Amino acid sequence: NPKLYEDTHLDLADLEGATTPVGEDVQNFFICTICTMVVQNPQECEECNTLFCEACIQSWLKKKEFCPKMCKGEDPMQFKKLHRLVMANLNTMKFRCNLVGCDQLNEYMKAMEHMRSCDFSWHPCPQ
């Protein structure tokens, strides 16, 4: 779905490549449970291995200290560093810019950068 405005998250719908049942499971692993978009600065729950955007989980933890999936009930949430192979998998995923008029295709990190600087984005007048 092409968009007319700048977005701040990558959407799985813009992921390029074959989709197989196994591939969909891998792709869905990289979806933040809170915002349902592709994770940004991923944080991983030590108990259930669920990924969250850093900003999403920090906002959540200001209100509640447990995992949104309640994997340990209401016990405080602990994080672990993402395994290098998990991060490598995310970094190889390619996303097409979803702004109208742009056809840019980039790997994860470059797609994140491109999203903030795409020439086809527009910003509503603040007035």
Protein backbone atom coordinates (compact mmCIF):
# COMPACT_ATOMS: atom_id res chain seq x y z
CA ASN A 1 0.00 0.00 0.00
CA PRO A 2 1.75 3.18 -1.13
CA LYS A 3 1.55 6.01 1.38
CA LEU A 4 1.48 9.75 0.93
CA TYR A 5 3.10 10.54 4.25
CA GLU A 6 6.30 9.74 6.07
CA ASP A 7 6.09 6.76 8.42
CA THR A 8 8.45 5.96 11.27
CA HIS A 9 8.33 2.15 11.08
CA LEU A 10 8.98 -0.46 8.42
CA ASP A 11 5.95 -2.53 7.50
CA LEU A 12 6.19 -6.27 6.84
CA ALA A 13 3.92 -5.66 3.83
CA ASP A 14 6.86 -3.86 2.19
CA LEU A 15 9.25 -6.80 2.63
CA GLU A 16 10.58 -8.08 -0.70
CA GLY A 17 11.13 -11.76 -1.41
CA ALA A 18 9.47 -15.13 -1.46
CA THR A 19 7.00 -16.00 1.24
CA THR A 20 6.89 -19.59 2.38
CA PRO A 21 5.28 -20.92 5.56
CA VAL A 22 8.74 -21.14 7.16
CA GLY A 23 9.66 -17.72 5.79
CA GLU A 24 6.49 -16.18 7.22
CA ASP A 25 7.33 -17.56 10.67
CA VAL A 26 10.80 -16.01 10.46
CA GLN A 27 9.38 -12.70 9.21
CA ASN A 28 6.74 -12.60 11.95
CA PHE A 29 9.48 -13.10 14.56
CA PHE A 30 10.67 -9.58 13.68
CA ILE A 31 7.29 -7.95 14.38
CA CYS A 32 6.97 -5.92 17.57
CA THR A 33 4.05 -7.26 19.62
CA ILE A 34 3.21 -3.75 20.79
CA CYS A 35 3.15 -1.69 17.56
CA THR A 36 2.83 -4.67 15.15
CA MET A 37 5.47 -3.22 12.83
CA VAL A 38 9.02 -4.40 12.05
CA VAL A 39 11.15 -3.93 15.18
CA GLN A 40 13.37 -0.86 15.56
CA ASN A 41 16.40 -1.22 17.83
CA PRO A 42 15.12 -4.67 18.83
CA GLN A 43 15.00 -5.75 22.46
CA GLU A 44 14.47 -9.44 23.28
CA CYS A 45 12.63 -10.83 26.30
CA GLU A 46 14.97 -13.23 28.09
CA GLU A 47 12.12 -15.61 28.95
CA CYS A 48 9.94 -15.89 25.81
CA ASN A 49 12.42 -14.60 23.17
CA THR A 50 9.86 -12.10 21.84
CA LEU A 51 11.24 -9.01 20.12
CA PHE A 52 10.02 -5.49 20.79
CA CYS A 53 11.00 -2.06 19.49
CA GLU A 54 13.17 -0.35 22.07
CA ALA A 55 10.86 2.69 22.21
CA CYS A 56 7.71 0.52 22.45
CA ILE A 57 8.97 -1.63 25.31
CA GLN A 58 10.44 1.34 27.21
CA SER A 59 7.05 3.07 27.02
CA TRP A 60 5.33 -0.16 28.17
CA LEU A 61 7.74 -0.60 31.10
CA LYS A 62 6.95 2.89 32.41
CA LYS A 63 3.46 1.57 33.22
CA LYS A 64 4.09 -2.13 33.85
CA GLU A 65 7.33 -3.96 34.60
CA PHE A 66 6.36 -7.35 33.14
CA CYS A 67 6.53 -8.72 29.58
CA PRO A 68 3.49 -7.77 27.45
CA LYS A 69 3.07 -11.48 26.70
CA MET A 70 3.05 -12.17 30.47
CA CYS A 71 5.49 -15.06 29.94
CA LYS A 72 6.48 -14.86 33.64
CA GLY A 73 3.21 -13.51 34.95
CA GLU A 74 3.84 -10.14 36.56
CA ASP A 75 7.52 -10.80 37.37
CA PRO A 76 9.85 -8.04 36.15
CA MET A 77 10.94 -8.37 32.54
CA GLN A 78 14.56 -9.16 31.73
CA PHE A 79 16.27 -8.58 28.38
CA LYS A 80 19.03 -10.42 26.61
CA LYS A 81 21.29 -9.36 23.77
CA LEU A 82 20.08 -10.46 20.35
CA HIS A 83 22.09 -13.35 18.96
CA ARG A 84 24.32 -12.18 16.11
CA LEU A 85 22.62 -14.60 13.68
CA VAL A 86 19.20 -13.16 14.55
CA MET A 87 20.47 -9.65 13.86
CA ALA A 88 22.19 -10.84 10.67
CA ASN A 89 18.89 -12.33 9.47
CA LEU A 90 17.07 -9.05 10.11
CA ASN A 91 19.82 -7.06 8.39
CA THR A 92 19.49 -9.11 5.19
CA MET A 93 15.74 -8.49 4.82
CA LYS A 94 14.96 -6.05 2.01
CA PHE A 95 12.17 -3.50 2.20
CA ARG A 96 10.66 -1.40 -0.58
CA CYS A 97 9.89 2.21 0.28
CA ASN A 98 6.12 2.58 0.61
CA LEU A 99 5.92 6.27 -0.24
CA VAL A 100 4.07 7.17 -3.44
CA GLY A 101 6.57 7.79 -6.23
CA CYS A 102 9.53 6.04 -4.58
CA ASP A 103 10.69 2.60 -5.65
CA GLN A 104 13.80 2.37 -3.45
CA LEU A 105 14.71 -1.14 -2.22
CA ASN A 106 17.08 -1.40 0.75
CA GLU A 107 18.26 -3.85 3.38
CA TYR A 108 16.91 -3.26 6.91
CA MET A 109 19.40 -0.68 8.23
CA LYS A 110 19.47 1.34 4.99
CA ALA A 111 15.68 1.10 4.74
CA MET A 112 15.44 2.61 8.24
CA GLU A 113 17.74 5.47 7.19
CA HIS A 114 15.94 5.94 3.86
CA MET A 115 12.58 6.17 5.59
CA ARG A 116 13.78 9.30 7.42
CA SER A 117 15.25 10.97 4.34
CA CYS A 118 13.15 9.87 1.35
CA ASP A 119 12.73 12.66 -1.20
CA PHE A 120 9.11 11.58 -1.71
CA SER A 121 8.05 12.20 1.89
CA TRP A 122 6.07 15.26 2.76
CA HIS A 123 5.34 16.86 6.06
CA PRO A 124 2.02 18.55 6.80
CA CYS A 125 2.21 22.25 7.51
CA PRO A 126 2.36 22.74 11.30
CA GLN A 127 0.13 25.84 11.03
